[in-house]
PDB file of N, CA and C in Angstrom:
ATOM      1  N   MET A   1      93.601  73.785 120.871  1.00  0.00           N
ATOM      2  CA  MET A   1      93.578  73.565 119.370  1.00  0.00           C
ATOM      3  C   MET A   1      94.916  72.737 119.192  1.00  0.00           C
ATOM      4  N   ASN A   2      94.753  71.763 118.298  1.00  0.00           N
ATOM      5  CA  ASN A   2      95.920  70.846 117.946  1.00  0.00           C
ATOM      6  C   ASN A   2      96.263  71.029 116.559  1.00  0.00           C
ATOM      7  N   PHE A   3      97.523  71.013 116.333  1.00  0.00           N
ATOM      8  CA  PHE A   3      98.079  71.071 114.932  1.00  0.00           C
ATOM      9  C   PHE A   3      98.840  69.689 114.779  1.00  0.00           C
ATOM     10  N   GLY A   4      98.517  68.945 113.672  1.00  0.00           N
ATOM     11  CA  GLY A   4      99.257  67.739 113.536  1.00  0.00           C
ATOM     12  C   GLY A   4      98.821  66.689 114.648  1.00  0.00           C
ATOM     13  N   TRP A   5      97.550  66.548 115.030  1.00  0.00           N
ATOM     14  CA  TRP A   5      97.090  65.787 116.081  1.00  0.00           C
ATOM     15  C   TRP A   5      97.770  66.012 117.367  1.00  0.00           C
ATOM     16  N   GLY A   6      98.278  67.249 117.560  1.00  0.00           N
ATOM     17  CA  GLY A   6      98.884  67.604 118.784  1.00  0.00           C
ATOM     18  C   GLY A   6     100.292  67.200 118.949  1.00  0.00           C
ATOM     19  N   MET A   7     100.839  66.718 117.865  1.00  0.00           N
ATOM     20  CA  MET A   7     102.285  66.380 117.815  1.00  0.00           C
ATOM     21  C   MET A   7     103.142  67.632 117.272  1.00  0.00           C
ATOM     22  N   LEU A   8     102.638  68.405 116.514  1.00  0.00           N
ATOM     23  CA  LEU A   8     103.398  69.531 116.019  1.00  0.00           C
ATOM     24  C   LEU A   8     103.273  70.653 117.042  1.00  0.00           C
ATOM     25  N   ALA A   9     101.932  70.916 117.456  1.00  0.00           N
ATOM     26  CA  ALA A   9     101.802  72.028 118.406  1.00  0.00           C
ATOM     27  C   ALA A   9     100.367  71.854 119.040  1.00  0.00           C
ATOM     28  N   HIS A  10     100.289  72.253 120.165  1.00  0.00           N
ATOM     29  CA  HIS A  10      98.945  72.366 120.922  1.00  0.00           C
ATOM     30  C   HIS A  10      98.866  73.654 121.625  1.00  0.00           C
ATOM     31  N   ILE A  11      97.725  74.445 121.436  1.00  0.00           N
ATOM     32  CA  ILE A  11      97.546  75.693 122.118  1.00  0.00           C
ATOM     33  C   ILE A  11      96.561  75.340 123.160  1.00  0.00           C
ATOM     34  N   TYR A  12      97.032  75.740 124.417  1.00  0.00           N
ATOM     35  CA  TYR A  12      96.150  75.476 125.648  1.00  0.00           C
ATOM     36  C   TYR A  12      95.001  76.474 125.701  1.00  0.00           C
ATOM     37  N   PRO A  13      93.904  76.022 126.431  1.00  0.00           N
ATOM     38  CA  PRO A  13      92.815  76.893 126.542  1.00  0.00           C
ATOM     39  C   PRO A  13      93.184  78.036 127.482  1.00  0.00           C
ATOM     40  N   GLY A  14      92.404  79.253 127.417  1.00  0.00           N
ATOM     41  CA  GLY A  14      92.768  80.290 128.204  1.00  0.00           C
ATOM     42  C   GLY A  14      93.648  81.325 127.712  1.00  0.00           C
ATOM     43  N   GLY A  15      94.005  81.278 126.483  1.00  0.00           N
ATOM     44  CA  GLY A  15      94.807  82.310 125.748  1.00  0.00           C
ATOM     45  C   GLY A  15      93.965  83.423 125.591  1.00  0.00           C
ATOM     46  N   LYS A  16      94.589  84.613 125.262  1.00  0.00           N
ATOM     47  CA  LYS A  16      93.770  85.838 125.007  1.00  0.00           C
ATOM     48  C   LYS A  16      94.415  86.531 123.832  1.00  0.00           C
ATOM     49  N   LEU A  17      93.539  86.943 122.904  1.00  0.00           N
ATOM     50  CA  LEU A  17      93.857  87.811 121.817  1.00  0.00           C
ATOM     51  C   LEU A  17      93.076  89.020 121.850  1.00  0.00           C
ATOM     52  N   MET A  18      93.679  90.295 121.810  1.00  0.00           N
ATOM     53  CA  MET A  18      93.003  91.500 121.728  1.00  0.00           C
ATOM     54  C   MET A  18      93.494  92.402 120.462  1.00  0.00           C
ATOM     55  N   LEU A  19      92.438  92.896 119.791  1.00  0.00           N
ATOM     56  CA  LEU A  19      92.843  93.557 118.617  1.00  0.00           C
ATOM     57  C   LEU A  19      91.953  94.943 118.588  1.00  0.00           C
ATOM     58  N   ASP A  20      92.572  96.164 118.642  1.00  0.00           N
ATOM     59  CA  ASP A  20      91.797  97.322 118.402  1.00  0.00           C
ATOM     60  C   ASP A  20      92.174  97.833 117.146  1.00  0.00           C
ATOM     61  N   GLN A  21      91.162  98.413 116.510  1.00  0.00           N
ATOM     62  CA  GLN A  21      91.353  99.005 114.987  1.00  0.00           C
ATOM     63  C   GLN A  21      90.742 100.313 114.837  1.00  0.00           C
ATOM     64  N   THR A  22      91.091 101.038 113.894  1.00  0.00           N
ATOM     65  CA  THR A  22      90.406 102.229 113.676  1.00  0.00           C
ATOM     66  C   THR A  22      90.247 102.385 112.020  1.00  0.00           C
ATOM     67  N   SER A  23      89.277 103.231 111.746  1.00  0.00           N
ATOM     68  CA  SER A  23      88.913 103.379 110.280  1.00  0.00           C
ATOM     69  C   SER A  23      89.945 104.378 109.773  1.00  0.00           C
ATOM     70  N   VAL A  24      90.415 104.201 108.507  1.00  0.00           N
ATOM     71  CA  VAL A  24      91.412 105.053 107.908  1.00  0.00           C
ATOM     72  C   VAL A  24      90.669 105.634 106.494  1.00  0.00           C
ATOM     73  N   GLY A  25      89.344 105.485 106.572  1.00  0.00           N
ATOM     74  CA  GLY A  25      88.566 106.026 105.454  1.00  0.00           C
ATOM     75  C   GLY A  25      88.356 104.983 104.358  1.00  0.00           C
ATOM     76  N   GLU A  26      87.343 105.328 103.494  1.00  0.00           N
ATOM     77  CA  GLU A  26      87.151 104.636 102.305  1.00  0.00           C
ATOM     78  C   GLU A  26      86.830 103.101 102.724  1.00  0.00           C
ATOM     79  N   ASN A  27      86.280 102.841 103.834  1.00  0.00           N
ATOM     80  CA  ASN A  27      85.805 101.526 104.179  1.00  0.00           C
ATOM     81  C   ASN A  27      87.026 100.593 104.581  1.00  0.00           C
ATOM     82  N   ARG A  28      88.083 101.281 104.918  1.00  0.00           N
ATOM     83  CA  ARG A  28      89.388 100.469 105.299  1.00  0.00           C
ATOM     84  C   ARG A  28      89.646 100.633 106.759  1.00  0.00           C
ATOM     85  N   TRP A  29      90.169  99.618 107.301  1.00  0.00           N
ATOM     86  CA  TRP A  29      90.410  99.620 108.756  1.00  0.00           C
ATOM     87  C   TRP A  29      91.944  99.156 108.949  1.00  0.00           C
ATOM     88  N   ILE A  30      92.657  99.672 109.988  1.00  0.00           N
ATOM     89  CA  ILE A  30      93.979  99.184 110.342  1.00  0.00           C
ATOM     90  C   ILE A  30      94.051  99.072 111.819  1.00  0.00           C
ATOM     91  N   PHE A  31      94.985  98.073 112.309  1.00  0.00           N
ATOM     92  CA  PHE A  31      95.028  97.851 113.675  1.00  0.00           C
ATOM     93  C   PHE A  31      95.824  98.916 114.400  1.00  0.00           C
ATOM     94  N   THR A  32      95.302  99.321 115.706  1.00  0.00           N
ATOM     95  CA  THR A  32      96.190 100.149 116.430  1.00  0.00           C
ATOM     96  C   THR A  32      96.759  99.514 117.635  1.00  0.00           C
ATOM     97  N   TYR A  33      96.226  98.370 118.077  1.00  0.00           N
ATOM     98  CA  TYR A  33      96.834  97.688 119.224  1.00  0.00           C
ATOM     99  C   TYR A  33      96.539  96.219 118.888  1.00  0.00           C
ATOM    100  N   PHE A  34      97.488  95.258 119.157  1.00  0.00           N
ATOM    101  CA  PHE A  34      97.338  94.011 119.099  1.00  0.00           C
ATOM    102  C   PHE A  34      98.065  93.272 120.267  1.00  0.00           C
ATOM    103  N   SER A  35      97.403  92.393 121.112  1.00  0.00           N
ATOM    104  CA  SER A  35      98.127  91.693 122.215  1.00  0.00           C
ATOM    105  C   SER A  35      97.654  90.196 122.095  1.00  0.00           C
ATOM    106  N   MET A  36      98.736  89.330 122.283  1.00  0.00           N
ATOM    107  CA  MET A  36      98.456  87.957 122.285  1.00  0.00           C
ATOM    108  C   MET A  36      99.148  87.251 123.510  1.00  0.00           C
ATOM    109  N   LYS A  37      98.480  86.580 124.275  1.00  0.00           N
ATOM    110  CA  LYS A  37      99.062  85.874 125.419  1.00  0.00           C
ATOM    111  C   LYS A  37      98.583  84.330 125.254  1.00  0.00           C
ATOM    112  N   LEU A  38      99.471  83.434 124.961  1.00  0.00           N
ATOM    113  CA  LEU A  38      99.223  81.975 124.683  1.00  0.00           C
ATOM    114  C   LEU A  38     100.148  81.096 125.405  1.00  0.00           C
ATOM    115  N   SER A  39      99.680  80.008 125.753  1.00  0.00           N
ATOM    116  CA  SER A  39     100.658  78.962 126.156  1.00  0.00           C
ATOM    117  C   SER A  39     100.570  77.732 125.161  1.00  0.00           C
ATOM    118  N   VAL A  40     101.724  77.441 124.604  1.00  0.00           N
ATOM    119  CA  VAL A  40     101.828  76.558 123.421  1.00  0.00           C
ATOM    120  C   VAL A  40     102.810  75.441 123.771  1.00  0.00           C
ATOM    121  N   ARG A  41     102.373  74.236 123.463  1.00  0.00           N
ATOM    122  CA  ARG A  41     103.305  73.149 123.455  1.00  0.00           C
ATOM    123  C   ARG A  41     103.734  72.902 122.124  1.00  0.00           C
ATOM    124  N   ALA A  42     105.123  72.820 121.791  1.00  0.00           N
ATOM    125  CA  ALA A  42     105.521  72.613 120.497  1.00  0.00           C
ATOM    126  C   ALA A  42     106.317  71.295 120.373  1.00  0.00           C
ATOM    127  N   LEU A  43     106.082  70.533 119.265  1.00  0.00           N
ATOM    128  CA  LEU A  43     106.833  69.318 118.921  1.00  0.00           C
ATOM    129  C   LEU A  43     106.758  68.389 120.154  1.00  0.00           C
ATOM    130  N   ILE A  44     105.656  68.320 120.880  1.00  0.00           N
ATOM    131  CA  ILE A  44     105.497  67.493 122.070  1.00  0.00           C
ATOM    132  C   ILE A  44     106.482  67.569 123.165  1.00  0.00           C
ATOM    133  N   LEU A  45     107.584  68.403 122.977  1.00  0.00           N
ATOM    134  CA  LEU A  45     108.578  68.619 123.941  1.00  0.00           C
ATOM    135  C   LEU A  45     108.576  69.746 124.889  1.00  0.00           C
ATOM    136  N   LYS A  46     108.244  70.869 124.439  1.00  0.00           N
ATOM    137  CA  LYS A  46     108.549  72.126 125.174  1.00  0.00           C
ATOM    138  C   LYS A  46     107.204  72.962 125.160  1.00  0.00           C
ATOM    139  N   THR A  47     106.922  73.400 126.288  1.00  0.00           N
ATOM    140  CA  THR A  47     105.761  74.399 126.562  1.00  0.00           C
ATOM    141  C   THR A  47     106.312  75.816 126.590  1.00  0.00           C
ATOM    142  N   VAL A  48     105.807  76.637 125.770  1.00  0.00           N
ATOM    143  CA  VAL A  48     106.202  78.145 125.774  1.00  0.00           C
ATOM    144  C   VAL A  48     105.189  78.974 125.947  1.00  0.00           C
ATOM    145  N   ASN A  49     105.292  80.006 126.846  1.00  0.00           N
ATOM    146  CA  ASN A  49     104.405  81.060 127.083  1.00  0.00           C
ATOM    147  C   ASN A  49     104.831  82.200 126.200  1.00  0.00           C
ATOM    148  N   VAL A  50     103.713  82.536 125.174  1.00  0.00           N
ATOM    149  CA  VAL A  50     104.023  83.597 124.290  1.00  0.00           C
ATOM    150  C   VAL A  50     103.192  84.885 124.779  1.00  0.00           C
ATOM    151  N   HIS A  51     103.867  85.995 124.928  1.00  0.00           N
ATOM    152  CA  HIS A  51     103.194  87.257 125.156  1.00  0.00           C
ATOM    153  C   HIS A  51     103.750  88.295 124.272  1.00  0.00           C
ATOM    154  N   THR A  52     102.963  88.863 123.324  1.00  0.00           N
ATOM    155  CA  THR A  52     103.431  89.911 122.473  1.00  0.00           C
ATOM    156  C   THR A  52     102.498  91.071 122.393  1.00  0.00           C
ATOM    157  N   GLU A  53     102.905  92.274 122.260  1.00  0.00           N
ATOM    158  CA  GLU A  53     102.100  93.423 122.140  1.00  0.00           C
ATOM    159  C   GLU A  53     102.701  94.207 121.024  1.00  0.00           C
ATOM    160  N   SER A  54     101.847  94.822 120.114  1.00  0.00           N
ATOM    161  CA  SER A  54     102.211  95.625 119.041  1.00  0.00           C
ATOM    162  C   SER A  54     101.169  96.905 119.028  1.00  0.00           C
ATOM    163  N   THR A  55     101.641  98.058 118.650  1.00  0.00           N
ATOM    164  CA  THR A  55     100.865  99.292 118.580  1.00  0.00           C
ATOM    165  C   THR A  55     101.350  99.901 117.289  1.00  0.00           C
ATOM    166  N   ALA A  56     100.455 100.696 116.729  1.00  0.00           N
ATOM    167  CA  ALA A  56     100.571 101.348 115.512  1.00  0.00           C
ATOM    168  C   ALA A  56      99.924 102.756 115.563  1.00  0.00           C
ATOM    169  N   ASN A  57     100.722 103.707 114.883  1.00  0.00           N
ATOM    170  CA  ASN A  57     100.104 105.135 114.941  1.00  0.00           C
ATOM    171  C   ASN A  57     100.708 105.850 113.839  1.00  0.00           C
ATOM    172  N   ASP A  58     100.353 107.102 113.706  1.00  0.00           N
ATOM    173  CA  ASP A  58     101.021 108.016 112.647  1.00  0.00           C
ATOM    174  C   ASP A  58     100.813 107.476 111.202  1.00  0.00           C
ATOM    175  N   PHE A  59      99.596 107.089 110.906  1.00  0.00           N
ATOM    176  CA  PHE A  59      99.414 106.473 109.603  1.00  0.00           C
ATOM    177  C   PHE A  59      99.534 107.571 108.435  1.00  0.00           C
ATOM    178  N   GLN A  60     100.017 107.079 107.376  1.00  0.00           N
ATOM    179  CA  GLN A  60     100.122 107.866 106.195  1.00  0.00           C
ATOM    180  C   GLN A  60      99.462 107.163 104.919  1.00  0.00           C
ATOM    181  N   LYS A  61      98.557 107.883 104.259  1.00  0.00           N
ATOM    182  CA  LYS A  61      98.061 107.271 102.987  1.00  0.00           C
ATOM    183  C   LYS A  61      98.997 107.588 101.812  1.00  0.00           C
ATOM    184  N   LEU A  62      99.310 106.390 101.165  1.00  0.00           N
ATOM    185  CA  LEU A  62     100.199 106.396 100.015  1.00  0.00           C
ATOM    186  C   LEU A  62      99.467 106.286  98.827  1.00  0.00           C
ATOM    187  N   GLY A  63     100.045 106.865  97.690  1.00  0.00           N
ATOM    188  CA  GLY A  63      99.287 106.680  96.438  1.00  0.00           C
ATOM    189  C   GLY A  63      99.652 105.327  95.759  1.00  0.00           C
ATOM    190  N   PRO A  64      99.132 105.142  94.609  1.00  0.00           N
ATOM    191  CA  PRO A  64      99.325 103.884  93.931  1.00  0.00           C
ATOM    192  C   PRO A  64     100.856 103.645  93.608  1.00  0.00           C
ATOM    193  N   MET A  65     101.361 102.354  93.806  1.00  0.00           N
ATOM    194  CA  MET A  65     102.756 102.050  93.442  1.00  0.00           C
ATOM    195  C   MET A  65     102.725 100.612  93.200  1.00  0.00           C
ATOM    196  N   SER A  66     103.852 100.201  92.404  1.00  0.00           N
ATOM    197  CA  SER A  66     104.140  98.849  92.117  1.00  0.00           C
ATOM    198  C   SER A  66     104.584  98.062  93.377  1.00  0.00           C
ATOM    199  N   TYR A  67     104.336  96.883  93.349  1.00  0.00           N
ATOM    200  CA  TYR A  67     104.808  96.065  94.504  1.00  0.00           C
ATOM    201  C   TYR A  67     106.264  96.246  94.671  1.00  0.00           C
ATOM    202  N   GLN A  68     107.077  96.309  93.558  1.00  0.00           N
ATOM    203  CA  GLN A  68     108.526  96.515  93.814  1.00  0.00           C
ATOM    204  C   GLN A  68     108.820  97.793  94.499  1.00  0.00           C
ATOM    205  N   ASP A  69     108.211  98.906  94.259  1.00  0.00           N
ATOM    206  CA  ASP A  69     108.373 100.103  94.897  1.00  0.00           C
ATOM    207  C   ASP A  69     107.923 100.002  96.400  1.00  0.00           C
ATOM    208  N   ALA A  70     106.953  99.268  96.720  1.00  0.00           N
ATOM    209  CA  ALA A  70     106.518  98.970  98.079  1.00  0.00           C
ATOM    210  C   ALA A  70     107.444  98.235  98.858  1.00  0.00           C
ATOM    211  N   ILE A  71     108.151  97.202  98.397  1.00  0.00           N
ATOM    212  CA  ILE A  71     109.112  96.425  98.816  1.00  0.00           C
ATOM    213  C   ILE A  71     110.371  97.373  99.119  1.00  0.00           C
ATOM    214  N   ARG A  72     110.760  98.161  98.185  1.00  0.00           N
ATOM    215  CA  ARG A  72     111.892  99.015  98.386  1.00  0.00           C
ATOM    216  C   ARG A  72     111.613 100.024  99.492  1.00  0.00           C
ATOM    217  N   MET A  73     110.414 100.506  99.676  1.00  0.00           N
ATOM    218  CA  MET A  73     110.092 101.460 100.758  1.00  0.00           C
ATOM    219  C   MET A  73     110.153 100.642 102.067  1.00  0.00           C
ATOM    220  N   MET A  74     109.550  99.516 102.095  1.00  0.00           N
ATOM    221  CA  MET A  74     109.614  98.763 103.320  1.00  0.00           C
ATOM    222  C   MET A  74     111.008  98.334 103.829  1.00  0.00           C
ATOM    223  N   LEU A  75     111.834  98.029 102.948  1.00  0.00           N
ATOM    224  CA  LEU A  75     113.263  97.766 103.274  1.00  0.00           C
ATOM    225  C   LEU A  75     114.056  98.952 103.576  1.00  0.00           C
ATOM    226  N   ALA A  76     113.667 100.130 103.235  1.00  0.00           N
ATOM    227  CA  ALA A  76     114.404 101.410 103.553  1.00  0.00           C
ATOM    228  C   ALA A  76     113.983 101.934 104.888  1.00  0.00           C
ATOM    229  N   THR A  77     112.779 101.440 105.422  1.00  0.00           N
ATOM    230  CA  THR A  77     112.297 101.933 106.721  1.00  0.00           C
ATOM    231  C   THR A  77     113.105 101.463 107.748  1.00  0.00           C
ATOM    232  N   PRO A  78     113.635 102.294 108.673  1.00  0.00           N
ATOM    233  CA  PRO A  78     114.423 101.885 109.802  1.00  0.00           C
ATOM    234  C   PRO A  78     113.441 101.114 110.839  1.00  0.00           C
ATOM    235  N   LEU A  79     114.216 100.213 111.483  1.00  0.00           N
ATOM    236  CA  LEU A  79     113.500  99.485 112.568  1.00  0.00           C
ATOM    237  C   LEU A  79     113.352 100.287 113.792  1.00  0.00           C
ATOM    238  N   PRO A  80     112.295 100.139 114.510  1.00  0.00           N
ATOM    239  CA  PRO A  80     112.068 101.005 115.842  1.00  0.00           C
ATOM    240  C   PRO A  80     113.126 100.649 116.823  1.00  0.00           C
ATOM    241  N   ASP A  81     113.366 101.649 117.689  1.00  0.00           N
ATOM    242  CA  ASP A  81     114.209 101.341 118.843  1.00  0.00           C
ATOM    243  C   ASP A  81     113.586 100.587 119.837  1.00  0.00           C
ATOM    244  N   ARG A  82     114.358  99.786 120.460  1.00  0.00           N
ATOM    245  CA  ARG A  82     113.786  98.909 121.636  1.00  0.00           C
ATOM    246  C   ARG A  82     114.260  99.477 122.978  1.00  0.00           C
TER     247      ARG A  82
END
């Protein structure tokens, strides 16, 4: 796949994307696992191999809130340890 006729970026064939999801009720779904393995050439100059994995668990349903309260809650959440 090319972006900007291949000058901005080119994603090489053979990459893999994997997504697992689970139902959280009321016809809503959320991801539990996401994996991406791609080889990308950026700005015609450099090829980068991208490999990322994310998992999610311990979901909590929250009541209605304003977007300002949601942003405050996200900013107050500590980052996970690496």
